PDB file of all heavy atoms in Angstrom:
ATOM      1  N   TRP A   1      -3.876  -3.305  21.269  1.00  0.00           N
ATOM      2  CA  TRP A   1      -5.101  -3.344  20.484  1.00  0.00           C
ATOM      3  C   TRP A   1      -5.641  -4.762  20.427  1.00  0.00           C
ATOM      4  O   TRP A   1      -4.883  -5.731  20.562  1.00  0.00           O
ATOM      5  CB  TRP A   1      -4.848  -2.856  19.063  1.00  0.00           C
ATOM      6  CG  TRP A   1      -4.610  -1.373  18.954  1.00  0.00           C
ATOM      7  CD1 TRP A   1      -3.453  -0.702  19.258  1.00  0.00           C
ATOM      8  CD2 TRP A   1      -5.539  -0.382  18.524  1.00  0.00           C
ATOM      9  NE1 TRP A   1      -3.612   0.640  19.041  1.00  0.00           N
ATOM     10  CE2 TRP A   1      -4.882   0.878  18.576  1.00  0.00           C
ATOM     11  CE3 TRP A   1      -6.863  -0.426  18.077  1.00  0.00           C
ATOM     12  CZ2 TRP A   1      -5.511   2.065  18.219  1.00  0.00           C
ATOM     13  CZ3 TRP A   1      -7.490   0.754  17.716  1.00  0.00           C
ATOM     14  CH2 TRP A   1      -6.812   1.984  17.785  1.00  0.00           C
ATOM     15  N   VAL A   2      -6.961  -4.876  20.244  1.00  0.00           N
ATOM     16  CA  VAL A   2      -7.608  -6.182  20.101  1.00  0.00           C
ATOM     17  C   VAL A   2      -8.385  -6.213  18.791  1.00  0.00           C
ATOM     18  O   VAL A   2      -9.145  -5.283  18.479  1.00  0.00           O
ATOM     19  CB  VAL A   2      -8.567  -6.469  21.272  1.00  0.00           C
ATOM     20  CG1 VAL A   2      -9.304  -7.792  21.040  1.00  0.00           C
ATOM     21  CG2 VAL A   2      -7.806  -6.520  22.593  1.00  0.00           C
ATOM     22  N   LEU A   3      -8.188  -7.278  18.031  1.00  0.00           N
ATOM     23  CA  LEU A   3      -8.929  -7.520  16.808  1.00  0.00           C
ATOM     24  C   LEU A   3      -9.737  -8.801  16.983  1.00  0.00           C
ATOM     25  O   LEU A   3      -9.177  -9.855  17.269  1.00  0.00           O
ATOM     26  CB  LEU A   3      -7.965  -7.673  15.622  1.00  0.00           C
ATOM     27  CG  LEU A   3      -8.551  -8.154  14.290  1.00  0.00           C
ATOM     28  CD1 LEU A   3      -9.620  -7.200  13.773  1.00  0.00           C
ATOM     29  CD2 LEU A   3      -7.441  -8.341  13.252  1.00  0.00           C
ATOM     30  N   ILE A   4     -11.059  -8.689  16.857  1.00  0.00           N
ATOM     31  CA  ILE A   4     -11.939  -9.847  16.963  1.00  0.00           C
ATOM     32  C   ILE A   4     -12.160 -10.434  15.567  1.00  0.00           C
ATOM     33  O   ILE A   4     -12.580  -9.731  14.650  1.00  0.00           O
ATOM     34  CB  ILE A   4     -13.307  -9.464  17.558  1.00  0.00           C
ATOM     35  CG1 ILE A   4     -13.142  -8.784  18.930  1.00  0.00           C
ATOM     36  CG2 ILE A   4     -14.207 -10.695  17.673  1.00  0.00           C
ATOM     37  CD1 ILE A   4     -12.642  -9.689  20.012  1.00  0.00           C
ATOM     38  N   LEU A   5     -11.877 -11.717  15.427  1.00  0.00           N
ATOM     39  CA  LEU A   5     -12.098 -12.386  14.140  1.00  0.00           C
ATOM     40  C   LEU A   5     -12.930 -13.641  14.327  1.00  0.00           C
ATOM     41  O   LEU A   5     -12.848 -14.312  15.358  1.00  0.00           O
ATOM     42  CB  LEU A   5     -10.766 -12.780  13.497  1.00  0.00           C
ATOM     43  CG  LEU A   5      -9.882 -11.691  12.887  1.00  0.00           C
ATOM     44  CD1 LEU A   5      -8.661 -12.321  12.266  1.00  0.00           C
ATOM     45  CD2 LEU A   5     -10.644 -10.866  11.862  1.00  0.00           C
ATOM     46  N   ASP A   6     -13.730 -13.947  13.304  1.00  0.00           N
ATOM     47  CA  ASP A   6     -14.370 -15.256  13.227  1.00  0.00           C
ATOM     48  C   ASP A   6     -13.452 -16.170  12.429  1.00  0.00           C
ATOM     49  O   ASP A   6     -12.638 -15.707  11.615  1.00  0.00           O
ATOM     50  CB  ASP A   6     -15.728 -15.158  12.553  1.00  0.00           C
ATOM     51  CG  ASP A   6     -16.738 -14.428  13.428  1.00  0.00           C
ATOM     52  OD1 ASP A   6     -16.634 -14.547  14.665  1.00  0.00           O
ATOM     53  OD2 ASP A   6     -17.624 -13.746  12.884  1.00  0.00           O
ATOM     54  N   ALA A   7     -13.608 -17.465  12.634  1.00  0.00           N
ATOM     55  CA  ALA A   7     -12.701 -18.424  11.984  1.00  0.00           C
ATOM     56  C   ALA A   7     -12.841 -18.442  10.470  1.00  0.00           C
ATOM     57  O   ALA A   7     -11.938 -18.888   9.766  1.00  0.00           O
ATOM     58  CB  ALA A   7     -12.946 -19.825  12.546  1.00  0.00           C
ATOM     59  N   ASP A   8     -13.961 -17.939   9.948  1.00  0.00           N
ATOM     60  CA  ASP A   8     -14.156 -17.936   8.496  1.00  0.00           C
ATOM     61  C   ASP A   8     -13.899 -16.566   7.876  1.00  0.00           C
ATOM     62  O   ASP A   8     -14.366 -16.278   6.773  1.00  0.00           O
ATOM     63  CB  ASP A   8     -15.559 -18.417   8.138  1.00  0.00           C
ATOM     64  CG  ASP A   8     -16.654 -17.541   8.735  1.00  0.00           C
ATOM     65  OD1 ASP A   8     -16.336 -16.680   9.570  1.00  0.00           O
ATOM     66  OD2 ASP A   8     -17.831 -17.728   8.368  1.00  0.00           O
ATOM     67  N   VAL A   9     -13.135 -15.733   8.585  1.00  0.00           N
ATOM     68  CA  VAL A   9     -12.774 -14.405   8.069  1.00  0.00           C
ATOM     69  C   VAL A   9     -11.281 -14.370   7.753  1.00  0.00           C
ATOM     70  O   VAL A   9     -10.457 -14.795   8.563  1.00  0.00           O
ATOM     71  CB  VAL A   9     -13.121 -13.296   9.091  1.00  0.00           C
ATOM     72  CG1 VAL A   9     -12.555 -11.957   8.638  1.00  0.00           C
ATOM     73  CG2 VAL A   9     -14.627 -13.194   9.246  1.00  0.00           C
ATOM     74  N   LEU A  10     -10.943 -13.862   6.583  1.00  0.00           N
ATOM     75  CA  LEU A  10      -9.549 -13.723   6.173  1.00  0.00           C
ATOM     76  C   LEU A  10      -9.167 -12.249   6.151  1.00  0.00           C
ATOM     77  O   LEU A  10      -9.967 -11.399   5.755  1.00  0.00           O
ATOM     78  CB  LEU A  10      -9.332 -14.329   4.787  1.00  0.00           C
ATOM     79  CG  LEU A  10      -9.648 -15.813   4.620  1.00  0.00           C
ATOM     80  CD1 LEU A  10      -9.350 -16.242   3.185  1.00  0.00           C
ATOM     81  CD2 LEU A  10      -8.849 -16.658   5.593  1.00  0.00           C
ATOM     82  N   VAL A  11      -7.926 -11.957   6.559  1.00  0.00           N
ATOM     83  CA  VAL A  11      -7.398 -10.595   6.502  1.00  0.00           C
ATOM     84  C   VAL A  11      -6.431 -10.515   5.325  1.00  0.00           C
ATOM     85  O   VAL A  11      -5.298 -10.986   5.412  1.00  0.00           O
ATOM     86  CB  VAL A  11      -6.666 -10.213   7.808  1.00  0.00           C
ATOM     87  CG1 VAL A  11      -6.187  -8.769   7.736  1.00  0.00           C
ATOM     88  CG2 VAL A  11      -7.589 -10.405   9.009  1.00  0.00           C
ATOM     89  N   PRO A  12      -6.852  -9.940   4.202  1.00  0.00           N
ATOM     90  CA  PRO A  12      -5.962  -9.820   3.043  1.00  0.00           C
ATOM     91  C   PRO A  12      -4.749  -8.947   3.353  1.00  0.00           C
ATOM     92  O   PRO A  12      -4.759  -8.166   4.316  1.00  0.00           O
ATOM     93  CB  PRO A  12      -6.854  -9.161   1.977  1.00  0.00           C
ATOM     94  CG  PRO A  12      -8.249  -9.379   2.444  1.00  0.00           C
ATOM     95  CD  PRO A  12      -8.188  -9.396   3.930  1.00  0.00           C
ATOM     96  N   LYS A  13      -3.724  -9.058   2.534  1.00  0.00           N
ATOM     97  CA  LYS A  13      -2.476  -8.328   2.787  1.00  0.00           C
ATOM     98  C   LYS A  13      -2.673  -6.824   2.852  1.00  0.00           C
ATOM     99  O   LYS A  13      -2.082  -6.144   3.702  1.00  0.00           O
ATOM    100  CB  LYS A  13      -1.448  -8.675   1.705  1.00  0.00           C
ATOM    101  CG  LYS A  13      -0.934 -10.105   1.792  1.00  0.00           C
ATOM    102  CD  LYS A  13       0.101 -10.386   0.711  1.00  0.00           C
ATOM    103  CE  LYS A  13       0.623 -11.812   0.813  1.00  0.00           C
ATOM    104  NZ  LYS A  13       1.632 -12.111  -0.253  1.00  0.00           N
ATOM    105  N   GLU A  14      -3.502  -6.267   1.946  1.00  0.00           N
ATOM    106  CA  GLU A  14      -3.696  -4.816   1.947  1.00  0.00           C
ATOM    107  C   GLU A  14      -4.428  -4.357   3.209  1.00  0.00           C
ATOM    108  O   GLU A  14      -4.147  -3.281   3.749  1.00  0.00           O
ATOM    109  CB  GLU A  14      -4.460  -4.370   0.693  1.00  0.00           C
ATOM    110  CG  GLU A  14      -5.863  -4.930   0.536  1.00  0.00           C
ATOM    111  CD  GLU A  14      -5.925  -6.254  -0.183  1.00  0.00           C
ATOM    112  OE1 GLU A  14      -4.862  -6.907  -0.303  1.00  0.00           O
ATOM    113  OE2 GLU A  14      -7.026  -6.632  -0.618  1.00  0.00           O
ATOM    114  N   ALA A  15      -5.365  -5.184   3.712  1.00  0.00           N
ATOM    115  CA  ALA A  15      -6.065  -4.856   4.956  1.00  0.00           C
ATOM    116  C   ALA A  15      -5.119  -4.973   6.148  1.00  0.00           C
ATOM    117  O   ALA A  15      -5.156  -4.158   7.071  1.00  0.00           O
ATOM    118  CB  ALA A  15      -7.274  -5.758   5.143  1.00  0.00           C
ATOM    119  N   ALA A  16      -4.265  -5.998   6.138  1.00  0.00           N
ATOM    120  CA  ALA A  16      -3.288  -6.182   7.210  1.00  0.00           C
ATOM    121  C   ALA A  16      -2.337  -4.988   7.283  1.00  0.00           C
ATOM    122  O   ALA A  16      -2.036  -4.476   8.373  1.00  0.00           O
ATOM    123  CB  ALA A  16      -2.500  -7.468   6.986  1.00  0.00           C
ATOM    124  N   LYS A  17      -1.877  -4.529   6.139  1.00  0.00           N
ATOM    125  CA  LYS A  17      -0.967  -3.380   6.086  1.00  0.00           C
ATOM    126  C   LYS A  17      -1.651  -2.127   6.631  1.00  0.00           C
ATOM    127  O   LYS A  17      -1.063  -1.364   7.414  1.00  0.00           O
ATOM    128  CB  LYS A  17      -0.511  -3.144   4.649  1.00  0.00           C
ATOM    129  CG  LYS A  17       0.510  -2.019   4.478  1.00  0.00           C
ATOM    130  CD  LYS A  17       0.996  -1.961   3.032  1.00  0.00           C
ATOM    131  CE  LYS A  17       2.072  -0.898   2.837  1.00  0.00           C
ATOM    132  NZ  LYS A  17       1.558   0.471   3.011  1.00  0.00           N
ATOM    133  N   GLU A  18      -2.903  -1.932   6.253  1.00  0.00           N
ATOM    134  CA  GLU A  18      -3.641  -0.761   6.721  1.00  0.00           C
ATOM    135  C   GLU A  18      -3.848  -0.798   8.229  1.00  0.00           C
ATOM    136  O   GLU A  18      -3.672   0.212   8.922  1.00  0.00           O
ATOM    137  CB  GLU A  18      -4.991  -0.668   6.016  1.00  0.00           C
ATOM    138  CG  GLU A  18      -5.775   0.581   6.388  1.00  0.00           C
ATOM    139  CD  GLU A  18      -7.138   0.642   5.731  1.00  0.00           C
ATOM    140  OE1 GLU A  18      -7.663  -0.423   5.322  1.00  0.00           O
ATOM    141  OE2 GLU A  18      -7.685   1.752   5.638  1.00  0.00           O
ATOM    142  N   ILE A  19      -4.208  -1.957   8.751  1.00  0.00           N
ATOM    143  CA  ILE A  19      -4.401  -2.104  10.194  1.00  0.00           C
ATOM    144  C   ILE A  19      -3.114  -1.781  10.944  1.00  0.00           C
ATOM    145  O   ILE A  19      -3.113  -1.030  11.923  1.00  0.00           O
ATOM    146  CB  ILE A  19      -4.880  -3.525  10.534  1.00  0.00           C
ATOM    147  CG1 ILE A  19      -6.315  -3.737  10.041  1.00  0.00           C
ATOM    148  CG2 ILE A  19      -4.802  -3.784  12.036  1.00  0.00           C
ATOM    149  CD1 ILE A  19      -6.796  -5.169  10.127  1.00  0.00           C
ATOM    150  N   GLN A  20      -1.996  -2.336  10.479  1.00  0.00           N
ATOM    151  CA  GLN A  20      -0.713  -2.103  11.144  1.00  0.00           C
ATOM    152  C   GLN A  20      -0.331  -0.626  11.133  1.00  0.00           C
ATOM    153  O   GLN A  20       0.246  -0.114  12.105  1.00  0.00           O
ATOM    154  CB  GLN A  20       0.372  -2.941  10.465  1.00  0.00           C
ATOM    155  CG  GLN A  20       0.193  -4.438  10.680  1.00  0.00           C
ATOM    156  CD  GLN A  20       1.183  -5.257   9.881  1.00  0.00           C
ATOM    157  OE1 GLN A  20       2.345  -5.398  10.265  1.00  0.00           O
ATOM    158  NE2 GLN A  20       0.751  -5.800   8.756  1.00  0.00           N
ATOM    159  N   GLU A  21      -0.643   0.053  10.060  1.00  0.00           N
ATOM    160  CA  GLU A  21      -0.311   1.476   9.967  1.00  0.00           C
ATOM    161  C   GLU A  21      -1.220   2.325  10.846  1.00  0.00           C
ATOM    162  O   GLU A  21      -0.759   3.225  11.546  1.00  0.00           O
ATOM    163  CB  GLU A  21      -0.420   1.931   8.511  1.00  0.00           C
ATOM    164  CG  GLU A  21       0.668   1.361   7.600  1.00  0.00           C
ATOM    165  CD  GLU A  21       0.448   1.731   6.139  1.00  0.00           C
ATOM    166  OE1 GLU A  21      -0.641   2.259   5.814  1.00  0.00           O
ATOM    167  OE2 GLU A  21       1.358   1.476   5.323  1.00  0.00           O
ATOM    168  N   GLN A  22      -2.506   2.021  10.829  1.00  0.00           N
ATOM    169  CA  GLN A  22      -3.470   2.876  11.531  1.00  0.00           C
ATOM    170  C   GLN A  22      -3.363   2.783  13.046  1.00  0.00           C
ATOM    171  O   GLN A  22      -3.582   3.772  13.747  1.00  0.00           O
ATOM    172  CB  GLN A  22      -4.897   2.525  11.085  1.00  0.00           C
ATOM    173  CG  GLN A  22      -5.218   2.921   9.651  1.00  0.00           C
ATOM    174  CD  GLN A  22      -5.110   4.422   9.420  1.00  0.00           C
ATOM    175  OE1 GLN A  22      -5.462   5.231  10.275  1.00  0.00           O
ATOM    176  NE2 GLN A  22      -4.605   4.801   8.256  1.00  0.00           N
ATOM    177  N   ILE A  23      -3.022   1.609  13.578  1.00  0.00           N
ATOM    178  CA  ILE A  23      -2.951   1.490  15.037  1.00  0.00           C
ATOM    179  C   ILE A  23      -1.726   2.198  15.621  1.00  0.00           C
ATOM    180  O   ILE A  23      -1.644   2.382  16.839  1.00  0.00           O
ATOM    181  CB  ILE A  23      -2.979   0.016  15.503  1.00  0.00           C
ATOM    182  CG1 ILE A  23      -1.729  -0.731  15.040  1.00  0.00           C
ATOM    183  CG2 ILE A  23      -4.248  -0.671  15.038  1.00  0.00           C
ATOM    184  CD1 ILE A  23      -1.614  -2.139  15.621  1.00  0.00           C
ATOM    185  N   GLN A  24      -0.792   2.590  14.759  1.00  0.00           N
ATOM    186  CA  GLN A  24       0.378   3.326  15.247  1.00  0.00           C
ATOM    187  C   GLN A  24       0.067   4.802  15.474  1.00  0.00           C
ATOM    188  O   GLN A  24       0.857   5.526  16.064  1.00  0.00           O
ATOM    189  CB  GLN A  24       1.548   3.189  14.266  1.00  0.00           C
ATOM    190  CG  GLN A  24       1.993   1.764  14.012  1.00  0.00           C
ATOM    191  CD  GLN A  24       2.303   0.980  15.282  1.00  0.00           C
ATOM    192  OE1 GLN A  24       2.887   1.515  16.223  1.00  0.00           O
ATOM    193  NE2 GLN A  24       1.897  -0.281  15.325  1.00  0.00           N
ATOM    194  N   LYS A  25      -1.087   5.241  15.009  1.00  0.00           N
ATOM    195  CA  LYS A  25      -1.484   6.634  15.178  1.00  0.00           C
ATOM    196  C   LYS A  25      -2.206   6.817  16.514  1.00  0.00           C
ATOM    197  O   LYS A  25      -2.700   5.866  17.102  1.00  0.00           O
ATOM    198  CB  LYS A  25      -2.375   7.070  14.018  1.00  0.00           C
ATOM    199  CG  LYS A  25      -1.682   6.927  12.661  1.00  0.00           C
ATOM    200  CD  LYS A  25      -2.604   7.295  11.518  1.00  0.00           C
ATOM    201  CE  LYS A  25      -1.912   7.126  10.178  1.00  0.00           C
ATOM    202  NZ  LYS A  25      -2.796   7.454   9.025  1.00  0.00           N
ATOM    203  N   ASP A  26      -2.283   8.055  16.984  1.00  0.00           N
ATOM    204  CA  ASP A  26      -2.856   8.324  18.299  1.00  0.00           C
ATOM    205  C   ASP A  26      -4.280   8.874  18.255  1.00  0.00           C
ATOM    206  O   ASP A  26      -4.850   9.190  19.305  1.00  0.00           O
ATOM    207  CB  ASP A  26      -1.981   9.334  19.059  1.00  0.00           C
ATOM    208  CG  ASP A  26      -0.581   8.798  19.322  1.00  0.00           C
ATOM    209  OD1 ASP A  26      -0.453   7.575  19.517  1.00  0.00           O
ATOM    210  OD2 ASP A  26       0.363   9.601  19.337  1.00  0.00           O
ATOM    211  N   ASP A  27      -4.870   8.993  17.061  1.00  0.00           N
ATOM    212  CA  ASP A  27      -6.122   9.738  16.958  1.00  0.00           C
ATOM    213  C   ASP A  27      -7.381   8.889  17.048  1.00  0.00           C
ATOM    214  O   ASP A  27      -8.482   9.419  17.125  1.00  0.00           O
ATOM    215  CB  ASP A  27      -6.153  10.537  15.644  1.00  0.00           C
ATOM    216  CG  ASP A  27      -5.926   9.645  14.429  1.00  0.00           C
ATOM    217  OD1 ASP A  27      -5.423   8.520  14.599  1.00  0.00           O
ATOM    218  OD2 ASP A  27      -6.272  10.087  13.316  1.00  0.00           O
ATOM    219  N   MET A  28      -7.268   7.567  17.077  1.00  0.00           N
ATOM    220  CA  MET A  28      -8.446   6.715  17.101  1.00  0.00           C
ATOM    221  C   MET A  28      -8.391   5.705  18.249  1.00  0.00           C
ATOM    222  O   MET A  28      -7.330   5.255  18.647  1.00  0.00           O
ATOM    223  CB  MET A  28      -8.593   5.963  15.769  1.00  0.00           C
ATOM    224  CG  MET A  28      -8.900   6.863  14.584  1.00  0.00           C
ATOM    225  SD  MET A  28     -10.511   7.664  14.753  1.00  0.00           S
ATOM    226  CE  MET A  28     -10.419   8.866  13.409  1.00  0.00           C
ATOM    227  N   ASP A  29      -9.582   5.354  18.742  1.00  0.00           N
ATOM    228  CA  ASP A  29      -9.700   4.353  19.804  1.00  0.00           C
ATOM    229  C   ASP A  29     -10.267   3.036  19.282  1.00  0.00           C
ATOM    230  O   ASP A  29     -10.229   2.021  19.966  1.00  0.00           O
ATOM    231  CB  ASP A  29     -10.613   4.868  20.921  1.00  0.00           C
ATOM    232  CG  ASP A  29     -10.082   6.150  21.549  1.00  0.00           C
ATOM    233  OD1 ASP A  29      -8.861   6.234  21.775  1.00  0.00           O
ATOM    234  OD2 ASP A  29     -10.889   7.065  21.805  1.00  0.00           O
ATOM    235  N   GLY A  30     -10.825   3.084  18.087  1.00  0.00           N
ATOM    236  CA  GLY A  30     -11.395   1.881  17.499  1.00  0.00           C
ATOM    237  C   GLY A  30     -11.645   2.082  16.022  1.00  0.00           C
ATOM    238  O   GLY A  30     -11.611   3.215  15.523  1.00  0.00           O
ATOM    239  N   PHE A  31     -11.915   0.979  15.327  1.00  0.00           N
ATOM    240  CA  PHE A  31     -12.145   1.047  13.880  1.00  0.00           C
ATOM    241  C   PHE A  31     -13.255   0.094  13.458  1.00  0.00           C
ATOM    242  O   PHE A  31     -13.319  -1.050  13.910  1.00  0.00           O
ATOM    243  CB  PHE A  31     -10.879   0.670  13.109  1.00  0.00           C
ATOM    244  CG  PHE A  31      -9.791   1.698  13.171  1.00  0.00           C
ATOM    245  CD1 PHE A  31      -8.801   1.609  14.141  1.00  0.00           C
ATOM    246  CD2 PHE A  31      -9.751   2.750  12.259  1.00  0.00           C
ATOM    247  CE1 PHE A  31      -7.782   2.552  14.209  1.00  0.00           C
ATOM    248  CE2 PHE A  31      -8.736   3.697  12.320  1.00  0.00           C
ATOM    249  CZ  PHE A  31      -7.753   3.599  13.295  1.00  0.00           C
ATOM    250  N   TYR A  32     -14.112   0.603  12.572  1.00  0.00           N
ATOM    251  CA  TYR A  32     -15.026  -0.263  11.850  1.00  0.00           C
ATOM    252  C   TYR A  32     -14.232  -0.912  10.718  1.00  0.00           C
ATOM    253  O   TYR A  32     -13.492  -0.235  10.008  1.00  0.00           O
ATOM    254  CB  TYR A  32     -16.188   0.532  11.263  1.00  0.00           C
ATOM    255  CG  TYR A  32     -17.202   0.985  12.286  1.00  0.00           C
ATOM    256  CD1 TYR A  32     -17.215   2.295  12.750  1.00  0.00           C
ATOM    257  CD2 TYR A  32     -18.155   0.089  12.778  1.00  0.00           C
ATOM    258  CE1 TYR A  32     -18.143   2.699  13.682  1.00  0.00           C
ATOM    259  CE2 TYR A  32     -19.082   0.491  13.718  1.00  0.00           C
ATOM    260  CZ  TYR A  32     -19.086   1.796  14.165  1.00  0.00           C
ATOM    261  OH  TYR A  32     -20.006   2.203  15.098  1.00  0.00           O
ATOM    262  N   LEU A  33     -14.399  -2.216  10.574  1.00  0.00           N
ATOM    263  CA  LEU A  33     -13.701  -2.946   9.512  1.00  0.00           C
ATOM    264  C   LEU A  33     -14.705  -3.383   8.452  1.00  0.00           C
ATOM    265  O   LEU A  33     -15.665  -4.099   8.759  1.00  0.00           O
ATOM    266  CB  LEU A  33     -12.987  -4.168  10.089  1.00  0.00           C
ATOM    267  CG  LEU A  33     -11.961  -3.894  11.189  1.00  0.00           C
ATOM    268  CD1 LEU A  33     -11.316  -5.202  11.636  1.00  0.00           C
ATOM    269  CD2 LEU A  33     -10.904  -2.914  10.738  1.00  0.00           C
ATOM    270  N   PRO A  34     -14.508  -2.963   7.207  1.00  0.00           N
ATOM    271  CA  PRO A  34     -15.393  -3.433   6.136  1.00  0.00           C
ATOM    272  C   PRO A  34     -15.240  -4.945   5.951  1.00  0.00           C
ATOM    273  O   PRO A  34     -14.131  -5.471   5.986  1.00  0.00           O
ATOM    274  CB  PRO A  34     -14.892  -2.677   4.900  1.00  0.00           C
ATOM    275  CG  PRO A  34     -14.077  -1.538   5.425  1.00  0.00           C
ATOM    276  CD  PRO A  34     -13.482  -2.029   6.707  1.00  0.00           C
ATOM    277  N   HIS A  35     -16.367  -5.612   5.784  1.00  0.00           N
ATOM    278  CA  HIS A  35     -16.376  -7.052   5.541  1.00  0.00           C
ATOM    279  C   HIS A  35     -17.043  -7.317   4.198  1.00  0.00           C
ATOM    280  O   HIS A  35     -18.212  -6.953   4.008  1.00  0.00           O
ATOM    281  CB  HIS A  35     -17.134  -7.792   6.640  1.00  0.00           C
ATOM    282  CG  HIS A  35     -16.415  -7.839   7.954  1.00  0.00           C
ATOM    283  ND1 HIS A  35     -16.131  -6.712   8.688  1.00  0.00           N
ATOM    284  CD2 HIS A  35     -15.918  -8.888   8.659  1.00  0.00           C
ATOM    285  CE1 HIS A  35     -15.499  -7.070   9.802  1.00  0.00           C
ATOM    286  NE2 HIS A  35     -15.353  -8.373   9.790  1.00  0.00           N
ATOM    287  N   LYS A  36     -16.332  -7.925   3.299  1.00  0.00           N
ATOM    288  CA  LYS A  36     -16.877  -8.285   1.986  1.00  0.00           C
ATOM    289  C   LYS A  36     -17.188  -9.777   2.001  1.00  0.00           C
ATOM    290  O   LYS A  36     -16.323 -10.596   2.299  1.00  0.00           O
ATOM    291  CB  LYS A  36     -15.878  -7.967   0.880  1.00  0.00           C
ATOM    292  CG  LYS A  36     -16.433  -8.142  -0.530  1.00  0.00           C
ATOM    293  CD  LYS A  36     -15.391  -7.730  -1.556  1.00  0.00           C
ATOM    294  CE  LYS A  36     -15.953  -7.806  -2.962  1.00  0.00           C
ATOM    295  NZ  LYS A  36     -17.005  -6.809  -3.199  1.00  0.00           N
ATOM    296  N   THR A  37     -18.426 -10.107   1.699  1.00  0.00           N
ATOM    297  CA  THR A  37     -18.877 -11.484   1.818  1.00  0.00           C
ATOM    298  C   THR A  37     -18.405 -12.356   0.660  1.00  0.00           C
ATOM    299  O   THR A  37     -18.522 -11.969  -0.499  1.00  0.00           O
ATOM    300  CB  THR A  37     -20.414 -11.543   1.891  1.00  0.00           C
ATOM    301  OG1 THR A  37     -20.860 -10.696   2.947  1.00  0.00           O
ATOM    302  CG2 THR A  37     -20.890 -12.963   2.149  1.00  0.00           C
ATOM    303  N   PHE A  38     -17.881 -13.531   1.022  1.00  0.00           N
ATOM    304  CA  PHE A  38     -17.502 -14.549   0.035  1.00  0.00           C
ATOM    305  C   PHE A  38     -18.344 -15.797   0.305  1.00  0.00           C
ATOM    306  O   PHE A  38     -18.400 -16.284   1.436  1.00  0.00           O
ATOM    307  CB  PHE A  38     -16.022 -14.901   0.159  1.00  0.00           C
ATOM    308  CG  PHE A  38     -15.102 -13.923  -0.506  1.00  0.00           C
ATOM    309  CD1 PHE A  38     -15.011 -12.611  -0.063  1.00  0.00           C
ATOM    310  CD2 PHE A  38     -14.325 -14.305  -1.584  1.00  0.00           C
ATOM    311  CE1 PHE A  38     -14.166 -11.702  -0.675  1.00  0.00           C
ATOM    312  CE2 PHE A  38     -13.473 -13.401  -2.205  1.00  0.00           C
ATOM    313  CZ  PHE A  38     -13.395 -12.099  -1.756  1.00  0.00           C
TER     314      PHE A  38
END
């Protein structure tokens, strides 16, 4: 899998856990990631 990040984007622990869990499944080829502006 490939995750594109900008240098000013942080991946919180709960988002990291969700990403790790979801990519282990076989039903998706990609994901929209919610971005909350700071």
